[in-house]
């Protein structure tokens, strides 16, 4: 199944669907589709019920801190694999 077909089955309609609008089941479906197509995905989820006194600013700081991680990891892997060749 492609993402477009998957998206068309969801109640939220639109060309672009934001990750923040996906529920747990929809997120799992997206991961399955990405895995079939060898896509690198980075999902970060936060269960607000398990954290006391978390503010919007706390979440934004966390998002900013982890935003650069995929690029950093890919650069590191490229460097290591380049050295191994």
C-alpha atoms as a PDB file:
ATOM      1  CA  UNK A   1       0.000   0.000   0.000  1.00  0.00           C
ATOM      2  CA  UNK A   2       1.245   3.496  -0.783  1.00  0.00           C
ATOM      3  CA  UNK A   3       1.022   6.439   1.573  1.00  0.00           C
ATOM      4  CA  UNK A   4      -1.580   8.127  -0.617  1.00  0.00           C
ATOM      5  CA  UNK A   5      -3.893   5.113  -0.420  1.00  0.00           C
ATOM      6  CA  UNK A   6      -3.299   4.867   3.306  1.00  0.00           C
ATOM      7  CA  UNK A   7      -3.999   8.579   3.781  1.00  0.00           C
ATOM      8  CA  UNK A   8      -7.247   8.351   1.797  1.00  0.00           C
ATOM      9  CA  UNK A   9      -8.596   5.821   4.337  1.00  0.00           C
ATOM     10  CA  UNK A  10      -8.173   8.239   7.271  1.00  0.00           C
ATOM     11  CA  UNK A  11     -10.943  10.557   8.457  1.00  0.00           C
ATOM     12  CA  UNK A  12      -8.708  13.659   8.235  1.00  0.00           C
ATOM     13  CA  UNK A  13      -8.610  14.749   4.610  1.00  0.00           C
ATOM     14  CA  UNK A  14      -5.970  16.873   2.958  1.00  0.00           C
ATOM     15  CA  UNK A  15      -2.996  16.696   0.672  1.00  0.00           C
ATOM     16  CA  UNK A  16      -0.512  17.114   3.494  1.00  0.00           C
ATOM     17  CA  UNK A  17      -1.186  15.625   6.896  1.00  0.00           C
ATOM     18  CA  UNK A  18       0.955  16.780   9.804  1.00  0.00           C
ATOM     19  CA  UNK A  19       2.485  14.100  12.009  1.00  0.00           C
ATOM     20  CA  UNK A  20       1.017  15.788  15.069  1.00  0.00           C
ATOM     21  CA  UNK A  21      -2.452  14.962  13.705  1.00  0.00           C
ATOM     22  CA  UNK A  22      -1.783  11.199  13.482  1.00  0.00           C
ATOM     23  CA  UNK A  23      -2.941   8.842  16.191  1.00  0.00           C
ATOM     24  CA  UNK A  24      -0.883   5.856  17.351  1.00  0.00           C
ATOM     25  CA  UNK A  25      -2.402   3.438  14.820  1.00  0.00           C
ATOM     26  CA  UNK A  26      -1.913   5.821  11.892  1.00  0.00           C
ATOM     27  CA  UNK A  27       1.688   6.450  12.933  1.00  0.00           C
ATOM     28  CA  UNK A  28       2.341   2.700  12.996  1.00  0.00           C
ATOM     29  CA  UNK A  29       0.838   2.386   9.503  1.00  0.00           C
ATOM     30  CA  UNK A  30       3.129   5.135   8.208  1.00  0.00           C
ATOM     31  CA  UNK A  31       6.167   3.383   9.677  1.00  0.00           C
ATOM     32  CA  UNK A  32       5.190   0.125   7.932  1.00  0.00           C
ATOM     33  CA  UNK A  33       4.852   1.906   4.564  1.00  0.00           C
ATOM     34  CA  UNK A  34       8.194   3.685   5.066  1.00  0.00           C
ATOM     35  CA  UNK A  35       9.911   0.426   5.974  1.00  0.00           C
ATOM     36  CA  UNK A  36       8.698  -1.195   2.746  1.00  0.00           C
ATOM     37  CA  UNK A  37      10.298   1.589   0.738  1.00  0.00           C
ATOM     38  CA  UNK A  38      13.580   1.784   2.711  1.00  0.00           C
ATOM     39  CA  UNK A  39      12.795   5.287   3.964  1.00  0.00           C
ATOM     40  CA  UNK A  40      14.648   6.685   6.943  1.00  0.00           C
ATOM     41  CA  UNK A  41      12.120   8.076   9.417  1.00  0.00           C
ATOM     42  CA  UNK A  42      12.542   9.800  12.724  1.00  0.00           C
ATOM     43  CA  UNK A  43       9.507   9.736  14.995  1.00  0.00           C
ATOM     44  CA  UNK A  44       9.504  11.374  18.391  1.00  0.00           C
ATOM     45  CA  UNK A  45       6.465  10.942  20.599  1.00  0.00           C
ATOM     46  CA  UNK A  46       5.781  12.328  24.035  1.00  0.00           C
ATOM     47  CA  UNK A  47       3.109  10.979  26.358  1.00  0.00           C
ATOM     48  CA  UNK A  48       2.104  14.134  28.194  1.00  0.00           C
ATOM     49  CA  UNK A  49       0.187  12.098  30.793  1.00  0.00           C
ATOM     50  CA  UNK A  50       3.450  10.707  32.151  1.00  0.00           C
ATOM     51  CA  UNK A  51       5.188  14.076  32.572  1.00  0.00           C
ATOM     52  CA  UNK A  52       4.286  16.585  35.263  1.00  0.00           C
ATOM     53  CA  UNK A  53       4.608  20.307  34.586  1.00  0.00           C
ATOM     54  CA  UNK A  54       5.765  20.066  30.973  1.00  0.00           C
ATOM     55  CA  UNK A  55       5.197  23.331  29.145  1.00  0.00           C
ATOM     56  CA  UNK A  56       4.950  24.155  25.465  1.00  0.00           C
ATOM     57  CA  UNK A  57       8.341  25.850  25.800  1.00  0.00           C
ATOM     58  CA  UNK A  58       9.831  22.603  27.187  1.00  0.00           C
ATOM     59  CA  UNK A  59       8.527  20.684  24.173  1.00  0.00           C
ATOM     60  CA  UNK A  60       9.869  23.316  21.752  1.00  0.00           C
ATOM     61  CA  UNK A  61      13.317  23.185  23.411  1.00  0.00           C
ATOM     62  CA  UNK A  62      13.316  19.401  23.104  1.00  0.00           C
ATOM     63  CA  UNK A  63      12.285  19.583  19.439  1.00  0.00           C
ATOM     64  CA  UNK A  64      15.077  22.062  18.715  1.00  0.00           C
ATOM     65  CA  UNK A  65      17.621  19.857  20.503  1.00  0.00           C
ATOM     66  CA  UNK A  66      16.752  16.678  18.599  1.00  0.00           C
ATOM     67  CA  UNK A  67      16.122  18.365  15.243  1.00  0.00           C
ATOM     68  CA  UNK A  68      19.776  18.136  14.196  1.00  0.00           C
ATOM     69  CA  UNK A  69      20.320  14.522  15.321  1.00  0.00           C
ATOM     70  CA  UNK A  70      19.398  12.755  12.038  1.00  0.00           C
ATOM     71  CA  UNK A  71      21.831  14.928  10.061  1.00  0.00           C
ATOM     72  CA  UNK A  72      24.544  14.408  12.659  1.00  0.00           C
ATOM     73  CA  UNK A  73      24.039  10.637  12.643  1.00  0.00           C
ATOM     74  CA  UNK A  74      24.053  10.429   8.850  1.00  0.00           C
ATOM     75  CA  UNK A  75      27.229  12.505   8.666  1.00  0.00           C
ATOM     76  CA  UNK A  76      28.883  10.236  11.225  1.00  0.00           C
ATOM     77  CA  UNK A  77      27.856   7.069   9.371  1.00  0.00           C
ATOM     78  CA  UNK A  78      29.089   8.473   6.065  1.00  0.00           C
ATOM     79  CA  UNK A  79      32.410   9.334   7.668  1.00  0.00           C
ATOM     80  CA  UNK A  80      32.791   5.875   9.253  1.00  0.00           C
ATOM     81  CA  UNK A  81      31.751   3.973   6.135  1.00  0.00           C
ATOM     82  CA  UNK A  82      34.053   6.158   4.074  1.00  0.00           C
ATOM     83  CA  UNK A  83      36.934   5.177   6.353  1.00  0.00           C
ATOM     84  CA  UNK A  84      36.061   1.477   6.092  1.00  0.00           C
ATOM     85  CA  UNK A  85      36.143   1.378   2.303  1.00  0.00           C
END
